[in-house]
mmCIF file of all heavy atoms, coordinates in Angstrom:
data_MODEL
# 
_entry.id   MODEL 
# 
loop_
_atom_site.group_PDB 
_atom_site.id 
_atom_site.type_symbol 
_atom_site.label_atom_id 
_atom_site.label_alt_id 
_atom_site.label_comp_id 
_atom_site.label_asym_id 
_atom_site.label_entity_id 
_atom_site.label_seq_id 
_atom_site.pdbx_PDB_ins_code 
_atom_site.Cartn_x 
_atom_site.Cartn_y 
_atom_site.Cartn_z 
_atom_site.occupancy 
_atom_site.B_iso_or_equiv 
_atom_site.pdbx_formal_charge 
_atom_site.auth_seq_id 
_atom_site.auth_comp_id 
_atom_site.auth_asym_id 
_atom_site.auth_atom_id 
_atom_site.pdbx_PDB_model_num 
ATOM 1   N N   . GLN A 1 1  ? 105.112 -84.902 33.375 1.00 0.00 ? 1  GLN A N   1 
ATOM 2   C CA  . GLN A 1 1  ? 103.761 -84.943 33.937 1.00 0.00 ? 1  GLN A CA  1 
ATOM 3   C C   . GLN A 1 1  ? 102.784 -84.137 33.088 1.00 0.00 ? 1  GLN A C   1 
ATOM 4   O O   . GLN A 1 1  ? 101.637 -84.540 32.891 1.00 0.00 ? 1  GLN A O   1 
ATOM 5   C CB  . GLN A 1 1  ? 103.773 -84.398 35.370 1.00 0.00 ? 1  GLN A CB  1 
ATOM 6   C CG  . GLN A 1 1  ? 104.494 -85.278 36.369 1.00 0.00 ? 1  GLN A CG  1 
ATOM 7   C CD  . GLN A 1 1  ? 103.843 -86.652 36.497 1.00 0.00 ? 1  GLN A CD  1 
ATOM 8   O OE1 . GLN A 1 1  ? 102.637 -86.764 36.711 1.00 0.00 ? 1  GLN A OE1 1 
ATOM 9   N NE2 . GLN A 1 1  ? 104.643 -87.696 36.340 1.00 0.00 ? 1  GLN A NE2 1 
ATOM 10  N N   . LEU A 1 2  ? 103.229 -82.994 32.566 1.00 0.00 ? 2  LEU A N   1 
ATOM 11  C CA  . LEU A 1 2  ? 102.378 -82.182 31.698 1.00 0.00 ? 2  LEU A CA  1 
ATOM 12  C C   . LEU A 1 2  ? 102.052 -82.915 30.410 1.00 0.00 ? 2  LEU A C   1 
ATOM 13  O O   . LEU A 1 2  ? 100.947 -82.809 29.878 1.00 0.00 ? 2  LEU A O   1 
ATOM 14  C CB  . LEU A 1 2  ? 103.059 -80.850 31.379 1.00 0.00 ? 2  LEU A CB  1 
ATOM 15  C CG  . LEU A 1 2  ? 103.288 -79.895 32.553 1.00 0.00 ? 2  LEU A CG  1 
ATOM 16  C CD1 . LEU A 1 2  ? 103.941 -78.611 32.070 1.00 0.00 ? 2  LEU A CD1 1 
ATOM 17  C CD2 . LEU A 1 2  ? 101.992 -79.595 33.276 1.00 0.00 ? 2  LEU A CD2 1 
ATOM 18  N N   . THR A 1 3  ? 103.001 -83.676 29.916 1.00 0.00 ? 3  THR A N   1 
ATOM 19  C CA  . THR A 1 3  ? 102.765 -84.464 28.711 1.00 0.00 ? 3  THR A CA  1 
ATOM 20  C C   . THR A 1 3  ? 101.722 -85.538 28.965 1.00 0.00 ? 3  THR A C   1 
ATOM 21  O O   . THR A 1 3  ? 100.831 -85.780 28.149 1.00 0.00 ? 3  THR A O   1 
ATOM 22  C CB  . THR A 1 3  ? 104.073 -85.121 28.225 1.00 0.00 ? 3  THR A CB  1 
ATOM 23  O OG1 . THR A 1 3  ? 105.019 -84.088 27.904 1.00 0.00 ? 3  THR A OG1 1 
ATOM 24  C CG2 . THR A 1 3  ? 103.836 -85.974 26.984 1.00 0.00 ? 3  THR A CG2 1 
ATOM 25  N N   . ASP A 1 4  ? 101.792 -86.159 30.153 1.00 0.00 ? 4  ASP A N   1 
ATOM 26  C CA  . ASP A 1 4  ? 100.814 -87.198 30.502 1.00 0.00 ? 4  ASP A CA  1 
ATOM 27  C C   . ASP A 1 4  ? 99.416  -86.609 30.688 1.00 0.00 ? 4  ASP A C   1 
ATOM 28  O O   . ASP A 1 4  ? 98.423  -87.209 30.278 1.00 0.00 ? 4  ASP A O   1 
ATOM 29  C CB  . ASP A 1 4  ? 101.235 -87.906 31.803 1.00 0.00 ? 4  ASP A CB  1 
ATOM 30  C CG  . ASP A 1 4  ? 102.488 -88.750 31.611 1.00 0.00 ? 4  ASP A CG  1 
ATOM 31  O OD1 . ASP A 1 4  ? 102.817 -89.069 30.456 1.00 0.00 ? 4  ASP A OD1 1 
ATOM 32  O OD2 . ASP A 1 4  ? 103.132 -89.062 32.619 1.00 0.00 ? 4  ASP A OD2 1 
ATOM 33  N N   . LYS A 1 5  ? 99.334  -85.423 31.305 1.00 0.00 ? 5  LYS A N   1 
ATOM 34  C CA  . LYS A 1 5  ? 98.033  -84.851 31.631 1.00 0.00 ? 5  LYS A CA  1 
ATOM 35  C C   . LYS A 1 5  ? 97.412  -84.063 30.480 1.00 0.00 ? 5  LYS A C   1 
ATOM 36  O O   . LYS A 1 5  ? 96.195  -83.941 30.386 1.00 0.00 ? 5  LYS A O   1 
ATOM 37  C CB  . LYS A 1 5  ? 98.152  -83.903 32.839 1.00 0.00 ? 5  LYS A CB  1 
ATOM 38  C CG  . LYS A 1 5  ? 98.898  -84.468 34.036 1.00 0.00 ? 5  LYS A CG  1 
ATOM 39  C CD  . LYS A 1 5  ? 98.178  -85.620 34.671 1.00 0.00 ? 5  LYS A CD  1 
ATOM 40  C CE  . LYS A 1 5  ? 98.972  -86.140 35.886 1.00 0.00 ? 5  LYS A CE  1 
ATOM 41  N NZ  . LYS A 1 5  ? 98.380  -87.357 36.451 1.00 0.00 ? 5  LYS A NZ  1 
ATOM 42  N N   . GLY A 1 6  ? 98.257  -83.499 29.628 1.00 0.00 ? 6  GLY A N   1 
ATOM 43  C CA  . GLY A 1 6  ? 97.763  -82.607 28.591 1.00 0.00 ? 6  GLY A CA  1 
ATOM 44  C C   . GLY A 1 6  ? 97.377  -83.324 27.315 1.00 0.00 ? 6  GLY A C   1 
ATOM 45  O O   . GLY A 1 6  ? 97.434  -84.550 27.194 1.00 0.00 ? 6  GLY A O   1 
ATOM 46  N N   . GLN A 1 7  ? 96.987  -82.500 26.341 1.00 0.00 ? 7  GLN A N   1 
ATOM 47  C CA  . GLN A 1 7  ? 96.580  -83.022 25.045 1.00 0.00 ? 7  GLN A CA  1 
ATOM 48  C C   . GLN A 1 7  ? 97.745  -83.080 24.068 1.00 0.00 ? 7  GLN A C   1 
ATOM 49  O O   . GLN A 1 7  ? 97.585  -83.533 22.939 1.00 0.00 ? 7  GLN A O   1 
ATOM 50  C CB  . GLN A 1 7  ? 95.491  -82.099 24.461 1.00 0.00 ? 7  GLN A CB  1 
ATOM 51  C CG  . GLN A 1 7  ? 94.341  -81.806 25.408 1.00 0.00 ? 7  GLN A CG  1 
ATOM 52  C CD  . GLN A 1 7  ? 93.578  -83.051 25.785 1.00 0.00 ? 7  GLN A CD  1 
ATOM 53  O OE1 . GLN A 1 7  ? 93.344  -83.907 24.934 1.00 0.00 ? 7  GLN A OE1 1 
ATOM 54  N NE2 . GLN A 1 7  ? 93.190  -83.171 27.044 1.00 0.00 ? 7  GLN A NE2 1 
ATOM 55  N N   . CYS A 1 8  ? 98.916  -82.610 24.486 1.00 0.00 ? 8  CYS A N   1 
ATOM 56  C CA  . CYS A 1 8  ? 100.064 -82.499 23.590 1.00 0.00 ? 8  CYS A CA  1 
ATOM 57  C C   . CYS A 1 8  ? 101.187 -83.406 24.074 1.00 0.00 ? 8  CYS A C   1 
ATOM 58  O O   . CYS A 1 8  ? 101.494 -83.468 25.259 1.00 0.00 ? 8  CYS A O   1 
ATOM 59  C CB  . CYS A 1 8  ? 100.530 -81.043 23.542 1.00 0.00 ? 8  CYS A CB  1 
ATOM 60  S SG  . CYS A 1 8  ? 101.902 -80.773 22.422 1.00 0.00 ? 8  CYS A SG  1 
ATOM 61  N N   . SER A 1 9  ? 101.809 -84.104 23.149 1.00 0.00 ? 9  SER A N   1 
ATOM 62  C CA  . SER A 1 9  ? 102.840 -85.084 23.509 1.00 0.00 ? 9  SER A CA  1 
ATOM 63  C C   . SER A 1 9  ? 104.256 -84.518 23.423 1.00 0.00 ? 9  SER A C   1 
ATOM 64  O O   . SER A 1 9  ? 105.220 -85.259 23.621 1.00 0.00 ? 9  SER A O   1 
ATOM 65  C CB  . SER A 1 9  ? 102.737 -86.308 22.590 1.00 0.00 ? 9  SER A CB  1 
ATOM 66  O OG  . SER A 1 9  ? 102.940 -85.909 21.231 1.00 0.00 ? 9  SER A OG  1 
ATOM 67  N N   . SER A 1 10 ? 104.394 -83.223 23.143 1.00 0.00 ? 10 SER A N   1 
ATOM 68  C CA  . SER A 1 10 ? 105.739 -82.687 22.883 1.00 0.00 ? 10 SER A CA  1 
ATOM 69  C C   . SER A 1 10 ? 106.222 -81.697 23.938 1.00 0.00 ? 10 SER A C   1 
ATOM 70  O O   . SER A 1 10 ? 107.111 -80.900 23.674 1.00 0.00 ? 10 SER A O   1 
ATOM 71  C CB  . SER A 1 10 ? 105.772 -82.030 21.500 1.00 0.00 ? 10 SER A CB  1 
ATOM 72  O OG  . SER A 1 10 ? 104.768 -81.041 21.385 1.00 0.00 ? 10 SER A OG  1 
ATOM 73  N N   . PHE A 1 11 ? 105.652 -81.736 25.143 1.00 0.00 ? 11 PHE A N   1 
ATOM 74  C CA  . PHE A 1 11 ? 106.095 -80.821 26.186 1.00 0.00 ? 11 PHE A CA  1 
ATOM 75  C C   . PHE A 1 11 ? 107.507 -81.142 26.670 1.00 0.00 ? 11 PHE A C   1 
ATOM 76  O O   . PHE A 1 11 ? 108.152 -80.311 27.285 1.00 0.00 ? 11 PHE A O   1 
ATOM 77  C CB  . PHE A 1 11 ? 105.130 -80.843 27.377 1.00 0.00 ? 11 PHE A CB  1 
ATOM 78  C CG  . PHE A 1 11 ? 104.064 -79.779 27.305 1.00 0.00 ? 11 PHE A CG  1 
ATOM 79  C CD1 . PHE A 1 11 ? 102.800 -80.086 26.850 1.00 0.00 ? 11 PHE A CD1 1 
ATOM 80  C CD2 . PHE A 1 11 ? 104.327 -78.476 27.675 1.00 0.00 ? 11 PHE A CD2 1 
ATOM 81  C CE1 . PHE A 1 11 ? 101.815 -79.111 26.769 1.00 0.00 ? 11 PHE A CE1 1 
ATOM 82  C CE2 . PHE A 1 11 ? 103.355 -77.487 27.602 1.00 0.00 ? 11 PHE A CE2 1 
ATOM 83  C CZ  . PHE A 1 11 ? 102.095 -77.807 27.141 1.00 0.00 ? 11 PHE A CZ  1 
ATOM 84  N N   . THR A 1 12 ? 107.993 -82.332 26.395 1.00 0.00 ? 12 THR A N   1 
ATOM 85  C CA  . THR A 1 12 ? 109.323 -82.710 26.887 1.00 0.00 ? 12 THR A CA  1 
ATOM 86  C C   . THR A 1 12 ? 110.442 -82.371 25.906 1.00 0.00 ? 12 THR A C   1 
ATOM 87  O O   . THR A 1 12 ? 111.615 -82.440 26.270 1.00 0.00 ? 12 THR A O   1 
ATOM 88  C CB  . THR A 1 12 ? 109.388 -84.222 27.173 1.00 0.00 ? 12 THR A CB  1 
ATOM 89  O OG1 . THR A 1 12 ? 109.010 -84.927 25.985 1.00 0.00 ? 12 THR A OG1 1 
ATOM 90  C CG2 . THR A 1 12 ? 108.466 -84.597 28.314 1.00 0.00 ? 12 THR A CG2 1 
ATOM 91  N N   . ASN A 1 13 ? 110.107 -82.001 24.671 1.00 0.00 ? 13 ASN A N   1 
ATOM 92  C CA  . ASN A 1 13 ? 111.194 -81.777 23.716 1.00 0.00 ? 13 ASN A CA  1 
ATOM 93  C C   . ASN A 1 13 ? 111.031 -80.561 22.812 1.00 0.00 ? 13 ASN A C   1 
ATOM 94  O O   . ASN A 1 13 ? 111.992 -80.122 22.199 1.00 0.00 ? 13 ASN A O   1 
ATOM 95  C CB  . ASN A 1 13 ? 111.381 -83.017 22.822 1.00 0.00 ? 13 ASN A CB  1 
ATOM 96  C CG  . ASN A 1 13 ? 110.083 -83.460 22.165 1.00 0.00 ? 13 ASN A CG  1 
ATOM 97  O OD1 . ASN A 1 13 ? 109.275 -82.643 21.750 1.00 0.00 ? 13 ASN A OD1 1 
ATOM 98  N ND2 . ASN A 1 13 ? 109.886 -84.769 22.080 1.00 0.00 ? 13 ASN A ND2 1 
ATOM 99  N N   . ALA A 1 14 ? 109.825 -80.007 22.698 1.00 0.00 ? 14 ALA A N   1 
ATOM 100 C CA  . ALA A 1 14 ? 109.596 -78.915 21.753 1.00 0.00 ? 14 ALA A CA  1 
ATOM 101 C C   . ALA A 1 14 ? 109.416 -77.586 22.489 1.00 0.00 ? 14 ALA A C   1 
ATOM 102 O O   . ALA A 1 14 ? 109.006 -77.549 23.649 1.00 0.00 ? 14 ALA A O   1 
ATOM 103 C CB  . ALA A 1 14 ? 108.363 -79.200 20.902 1.00 0.00 ? 14 ALA A CB  1 
ATOM 104 N N   . GLU A 1 15 ? 109.735 -76.496 21.798 1.00 0.00 ? 15 GLU A N   1 
ATOM 105 C CA  . GLU A 1 15 ? 109.501 -75.169 22.350 1.00 0.00 ? 15 GLU A CA  1 
ATOM 106 C C   . GLU A 1 15 ? 108.029 -74.805 22.189 1.00 0.00 ? 15 GLU A C   1 
ATOM 107 O O   . GLU A 1 15 ? 107.435 -75.023 21.136 1.00 0.00 ? 15 GLU A O   1 
ATOM 108 C CB  . GLU A 1 15 ? 110.363 -74.131 21.637 1.00 0.00 ? 15 GLU A CB  1 
ATOM 109 C CG  . GLU A 1 15 ? 110.253 -72.750 22.245 1.00 0.00 ? 15 GLU A CG  1 
ATOM 110 C CD  . GLU A 1 15 ? 111.230 -71.761 21.639 1.00 0.00 ? 15 GLU A CD  1 
ATOM 111 O OE1 . GLU A 1 15 ? 112.101 -72.191 20.868 1.00 0.00 ? 15 GLU A OE1 1 
ATOM 112 O OE2 . GLU A 1 15 ? 111.104 -70.565 21.941 1.00 0.00 ? 15 GLU A OE2 1 
ATOM 113 N N   . LYS A 1 16 ? 107.452 -74.273 23.249 1.00 0.00 ? 16 LYS A N   1 
ATOM 114 C CA  . LYS A 1 16 ? 106.031 -73.934 23.256 1.00 0.00 ? 16 LYS A CA  1 
ATOM 115 C C   . LYS A 1 16 ? 105.847 -72.434 23.508 1.00 0.00 ? 16 LYS A C   1 
ATOM 116 O O   . LYS A 1 16 ? 106.775 -71.744 23.916 1.00 0.00 ? 16 LYS A O   1 
ATOM 117 C CB  . LYS A 1 16 ? 105.300 -74.705 24.373 1.00 0.00 ? 16 LYS A CB  1 
ATOM 118 C CG  . LYS A 1 16 ? 105.387 -76.211 24.255 1.00 0.00 ? 16 LYS A CG  1 
ATOM 119 C CD  . LYS A 1 16 ? 104.546 -76.711 23.120 1.00 0.00 ? 16 LYS A CD  1 
ATOM 120 C CE  . LYS A 1 16 ? 104.533 -78.228 23.093 1.00 0.00 ? 16 LYS A CE  1 
ATOM 121 N NZ  . LYS A 1 16 ? 103.797 -78.744 21.926 1.00 0.00 ? 16 LYS A NZ  1 
ATOM 122 N N   . ASP A 1 17 ? 104.630 -71.986 23.285 1.00 0.00 ? 17 ASP A N   1 
ATOM 123 C CA  . ASP A 1 17 ? 104.282 -70.628 23.668 1.00 0.00 ? 17 ASP A CA  1 
ATOM 124 C C   . ASP A 1 17 ? 104.017 -70.628 25.175 1.00 0.00 ? 17 ASP A C   1 
ATOM 125 O O   . ASP A 1 17 ? 103.331 -71.525 25.679 1.00 0.00 ? 17 ASP A O   1 
ATOM 126 C CB  . ASP A 1 17 ? 103.032 -70.178 22.901 1.00 0.00 ? 17 ASP A CB  1 
ATOM 127 C CG  . ASP A 1 17 ? 102.740 -68.705 23.107 1.00 0.00 ? 17 ASP A CG  1 
ATOM 128 O OD1 . ASP A 1 17 ? 102.271 -68.340 24.196 1.00 0.00 ? 17 ASP A OD1 1 
ATOM 129 O OD2 . ASP A 1 17 ? 102.972 -67.940 22.178 1.00 0.00 ? 17 ASP A OD2 1 
ATOM 130 N N   . PRO A 1 18 ? 104.543 -69.647 25.915 1.00 0.00 ? 18 PRO A N   1 
ATOM 131 C CA  . PRO A 1 18 ? 104.283 -69.607 27.368 1.00 0.00 ? 18 PRO A CA  1 
ATOM 132 C C   . PRO A 1 18 ? 102.803 -69.632 27.705 1.00 0.00 ? 18 PRO A C   1 
ATOM 133 O O   . PRO A 1 18 ? 102.398 -70.222 28.717 1.00 0.00 ? 18 PRO A O   1 
ATOM 134 C CB  . PRO A 1 18 ? 104.930 -68.288 27.800 1.00 0.00 ? 18 PRO A CB  1 
ATOM 135 C CG  . PRO A 1 18 ? 105.983 -68.024 26.777 1.00 0.00 ? 18 PRO A CG  1 
ATOM 136 C CD  . PRO A 1 18 ? 105.449 -68.567 25.485 1.00 0.00 ? 18 PRO A CD  1 
ATOM 137 N N   . GLU A 1 19 ? 101.975 -69.007 26.873 1.00 0.00 ? 19 GLU A N   1 
ATOM 138 C CA  . GLU A 1 19 ? 100.539 -68.978 27.140 1.00 0.00 ? 19 GLU A CA  1 
ATOM 139 C C   . GLU A 1 19 ? 99.946  -70.391 27.098 1.00 0.00 ? 19 GLU A C   1 
ATOM 140 O O   . GLU A 1 19 ? 99.061  -70.727 27.888 1.00 0.00 ? 19 GLU A O   1 
ATOM 141 C CB  . GLU A 1 19 ? 99.827  -68.079 26.128 1.00 0.00 ? 19 GLU A CB  1 
ATOM 142 C CG  . GLU A 1 19 ? 98.356  -67.864 26.436 1.00 0.00 ? 19 GLU A CG  1 
ATOM 143 C CD  . GLU A 1 19 ? 97.703  -66.850 25.524 1.00 0.00 ? 19 GLU A CD  1 
ATOM 144 O OE1 . GLU A 1 19 ? 98.338  -66.432 24.538 1.00 0.00 ? 19 GLU A OE1 1 
ATOM 145 O OE2 . GLU A 1 19 ? 96.551  -66.460 25.783 1.00 0.00 ? 19 GLU A OE2 1 
ATOM 146 N N   . GLU A 1 20 ? 100.437 -71.208 26.179 1.00 0.00 ? 20 GLU A N   1 
ATOM 147 C CA  . GLU A 1 20 ? 99.958  -72.588 26.100 1.00 0.00 ? 20 GLU A CA  1 
ATOM 148 C C   . GLU A 1 20 ? 100.293 -73.354 27.376 1.00 0.00 ? 20 GLU A C   1 
ATOM 149 O O   . GLU A 1 20 ? 99.468  -74.109 27.908 1.00 0.00 ? 20 GLU A O   1 
ATOM 150 C CB  . GLU A 1 20 ? 100.597 -73.282 24.891 1.00 0.00 ? 20 GLU A CB  1 
ATOM 151 C CG  . GLU A 1 20 ? 100.120 -74.699 24.648 1.00 0.00 ? 20 GLU A CG  1 
ATOM 152 C CD  . GLU A 1 20 ? 100.785 -75.342 23.445 1.00 0.00 ? 20 GLU A CD  1 
ATOM 153 O OE1 . GLU A 1 20 ? 101.598 -74.677 22.773 1.00 0.00 ? 20 GLU A OE1 1 
ATOM 154 O OE2 . GLU A 1 20 ? 100.496 -76.532 23.185 1.00 0.00 ? 20 GLU A OE2 1 
ATOM 155 N N   . PHE A 1 21 ? 101.505 -73.139 27.889 1.00 0.00 ? 21 PHE A N   1 
ATOM 156 C CA  . PHE A 1 21 ? 101.922 -73.778 29.140 1.00 0.00 ? 21 PHE A CA  1 
ATOM 157 C C   . PHE A 1 21 ? 101.082 -73.291 30.318 1.00 0.00 ? 21 PHE A C   1 
ATOM 158 O O   . PHE A 1 21 ? 100.588 -74.088 31.123 1.00 0.00 ? 21 PHE A O   1 
ATOM 159 C CB  . PHE A 1 21 ? 103.405 -73.493 29.372 1.00 0.00 ? 21 PHE A CB  1 
ATOM 160 C CG  . PHE A 1 21 ? 103.860 -73.673 30.794 1.00 0.00 ? 21 PHE A CG  1 
ATOM 161 C CD1 . PHE A 1 21 ? 103.758 -74.906 31.423 1.00 0.00 ? 21 PHE A CD1 1 
ATOM 162 C CD2 . PHE A 1 21 ? 104.386 -72.604 31.511 1.00 0.00 ? 21 PHE A CD2 1 
ATOM 163 C CE1 . PHE A 1 21 ? 104.173 -75.071 32.745 1.00 0.00 ? 21 PHE A CE1 1 
ATOM 164 C CE2 . PHE A 1 21 ? 104.803 -72.760 32.818 1.00 0.00 ? 21 PHE A CE2 1 
ATOM 165 C CZ  . PHE A 1 21 ? 104.692 -73.992 33.429 1.00 0.00 ? 21 PHE A CZ  1 
ATOM 166 N N   . LEU A 1 22 ? 100.879 -71.972 30.422 1.00 0.00 ? 22 LEU A N   1 
ATOM 167 C CA  . LEU A 1 22 ? 100.118 -71.413 31.544 1.00 0.00 ? 22 LEU A CA  1 
ATOM 168 C C   . LEU A 1 22 ? 98.663  -71.878 31.514 1.00 0.00 ? 22 LEU A C   1 
ATOM 169 O O   . LEU A 1 22 ? 98.087  -72.203 32.552 1.00 0.00 ? 22 LEU A O   1 
ATOM 170 C CB  . LEU A 1 22 ? 100.189 -69.891 31.523 1.00 0.00 ? 22 LEU A CB  1 
ATOM 171 C CG  . LEU A 1 22 ? 101.558 -69.277 31.838 1.00 0.00 ? 22 LEU A CG  1 
ATOM 172 C CD1 . LEU A 1 22 ? 101.522 -67.772 31.684 1.00 0.00 ? 22 LEU A CD1 1 
ATOM 173 C CD2 . LEU A 1 22 ? 102.029 -69.668 33.231 1.00 0.00 ? 22 LEU A CD2 1 
ATOM 174 N N   . ASN A 1 23 ? 98.071  -71.911 30.327 1.00 0.00 ? 23 ASN A N   1 
ATOM 175 C CA  . ASN A 1 23 ? 96.684  -72.375 30.216 1.00 0.00 ? 23 ASN A CA  1 
ATOM 176 C C   . ASN A 1 23 ? 96.550  -73.823 30.652 1.00 0.00 ? 23 ASN A C   1 
ATOM 177 O O   . ASN A 1 23 ? 95.590  -74.202 31.337 1.00 0.00 ? 23 ASN A O   1 
ATOM 178 C CB  . ASN A 1 23 ? 96.178  -72.213 28.783 1.00 0.00 ? 23 ASN A CB  1 
ATOM 179 C CG  . ASN A 1 23 ? 95.873  -70.773 28.438 1.00 0.00 ? 23 ASN A CG  1 
ATOM 180 O OD1 . ASN A 1 23 ? 95.684  -69.939 29.317 1.00 0.00 ? 23 ASN A OD1 1 
ATOM 181 N ND2 . ASN A 1 23 ? 95.828  -70.468 27.158 1.00 0.00 ? 23 ASN A ND2 1 
ATOM 182 N N   . LEU A 1 24 ? 97.516  -74.640 30.263 1.00 0.00 ? 24 LEU A N   1 
ATOM 183 C CA  . LEU A 1 24 ? 97.462  -76.061 30.618 1.00 0.00 ? 24 LEU A CA  1 
ATOM 184 C C   . LEU A 1 24 ? 97.576  -76.252 32.126 1.00 0.00 ? 24 LEU A C   1 
ATOM 185 O O   . LEU A 1 24 ? 96.736  -76.919 32.745 1.00 0.00 ? 24 LEU A O   1 
ATOM 186 C CB  . LEU A 1 24 ? 98.586  -76.827 29.914 1.00 0.00 ? 24 LEU A CB  1 
ATOM 187 C CG  . LEU A 1 24 ? 98.743  -78.305 30.320 1.00 0.00 ? 24 LEU A CG  1 
ATOM 188 C CD1 . LEU A 1 24 ? 97.493  -79.106 29.973 1.00 0.00 ? 24 LEU A CD1 1 
ATOM 189 C CD2 . LEU A 1 24 ? 99.976  -78.924 29.661 1.00 0.00 ? 24 LEU A CD2 1 
ATOM 190 N N   . ILE A 1 25 ? 98.586  -75.631 32.743 1.00 0.00 ? 25 ILE A N   1 
ATOM 191 C CA  . ILE A 1 25 ? 98.828  -75.907 34.161 1.00 0.00 ? 25 ILE A CA  1 
ATOM 192 C C   . ILE A 1 25 ? 97.799  -75.202 35.054 1.00 0.00 ? 25 ILE A C   1 
ATOM 193 O O   . ILE A 1 25 ? 97.371  -75.749 36.076 1.00 0.00 ? 25 ILE A O   1 
ATOM 194 C CB  . ILE A 1 25 ? 100.276 -75.523 34.551 1.00 0.00 ? 25 ILE A CB  1 
ATOM 195 C CG1 . ILE A 1 25 ? 100.639 -76.158 35.900 1.00 0.00 ? 25 ILE A CG1 1 
ATOM 196 C CG2 . ILE A 1 25 ? 100.478 -74.007 34.604 1.00 0.00 ? 25 ILE A CG2 1 
ATOM 197 C CD1 . ILE A 1 25 ? 102.102 -76.145 36.226 1.00 0.00 ? 25 ILE A CD1 1 
ATOM 198 N N   . MET A 1 26 ? 97.356  -74.001 34.668 1.00 0.00 ? 26 MET A N   1 
ATOM 199 C CA  . MET A 1 26 ? 96.412  -73.271 35.512 1.00 0.00 ? 26 MET A CA  1 
ATOM 200 C C   . MET A 1 26 ? 94.974  -73.745 35.341 1.00 0.00 ? 26 MET A C   1 
ATOM 201 O O   . MET A 1 26 ? 94.237  -73.883 36.319 1.00 0.00 ? 26 MET A O   1 
ATOM 202 C CB  . MET A 1 26 ? 96.488  -71.765 35.209 1.00 0.00 ? 26 MET A CB  1 
ATOM 203 C CG  . MET A 1 26 ? 97.754  -71.100 35.689 1.00 0.00 ? 26 MET A CG  1 
ATOM 204 S SD  . MET A 1 26 ? 97.723  -69.309 35.372 1.00 0.00 ? 26 MET A SD  1 
ATOM 205 C CE  . MET A 1 26 ? 99.180  -68.793 36.277 1.00 0.00 ? 26 MET A CE  1 
ATOM 206 N N   . GLN A 1 27 ? 94.589  -74.005 34.103 1.00 0.00 ? 27 GLN A N   1 
ATOM 207 C CA  . GLN A 1 27 ? 93.192  -74.362 33.849 1.00 0.00 ? 27 GLN A CA  1 
ATOM 208 C C   . GLN A 1 27 ? 92.948  -75.857 33.953 1.00 0.00 ? 27 GLN A C   1 
ATOM 209 O O   . GLN A 1 27 ? 92.116  -76.319 34.740 1.00 0.00 ? 27 GLN A O   1 
ATOM 210 C CB  . GLN A 1 27 ? 92.780  -73.860 32.467 1.00 0.00 ? 27 GLN A CB  1 
ATOM 211 C CG  . GLN A 1 27 ? 91.317  -74.158 32.127 1.00 0.00 ? 27 GLN A CG  1 
ATOM 212 C CD  . GLN A 1 27 ? 90.943  -73.628 30.758 1.00 0.00 ? 27 GLN A CD  1 
ATOM 213 O OE1 . GLN A 1 27 ? 91.777  -73.504 29.873 1.00 0.00 ? 27 GLN A OE1 1 
ATOM 214 N NE2 . GLN A 1 27 ? 89.677  -73.301 30.572 1.00 0.00 ? 27 GLN A NE2 1 
ATOM 215 N N   . GLN A 1 28 ? 93.684  -76.642 33.177 1.00 0.00 ? 28 GLN A N   1 
ATOM 216 C CA  . GLN A 1 28 ? 93.381  -78.068 33.070 1.00 0.00 ? 28 GLN A CA  1 
ATOM 217 C C   . GLN A 1 28 ? 93.927  -78.879 34.239 1.00 0.00 ? 28 GLN A C   1 
ATOM 218 O O   . GLN A 1 28 ? 93.336  -79.890 34.623 1.00 0.00 ? 28 GLN A O   1 
ATOM 219 C CB  . GLN A 1 28 ? 93.922  -78.614 31.749 1.00 0.00 ? 28 GLN A CB  1 
ATOM 220 C CG  . GLN A 1 28 ? 93.283  -77.976 30.512 1.00 0.00 ? 28 GLN A CG  1 
ATOM 221 C CD  . GLN A 1 28 ? 93.779  -78.618 29.234 1.00 0.00 ? 28 GLN A CD  1 
ATOM 222 O OE1 . GLN A 1 28 ? 93.982  -79.825 29.155 1.00 0.00 ? 28 GLN A OE1 1 
ATOM 223 N NE2 . GLN A 1 28 ? 93.991  -77.807 28.214 1.00 0.00 ? 28 GLN A NE2 1 
# 
């Protein structure tokens, strides 16, 4: 769902920075 809603297509397979995840789910 985050991949569909966000600007990044790699939330399902790549390691991310926690801040990037928190900004996406909390803000966007």
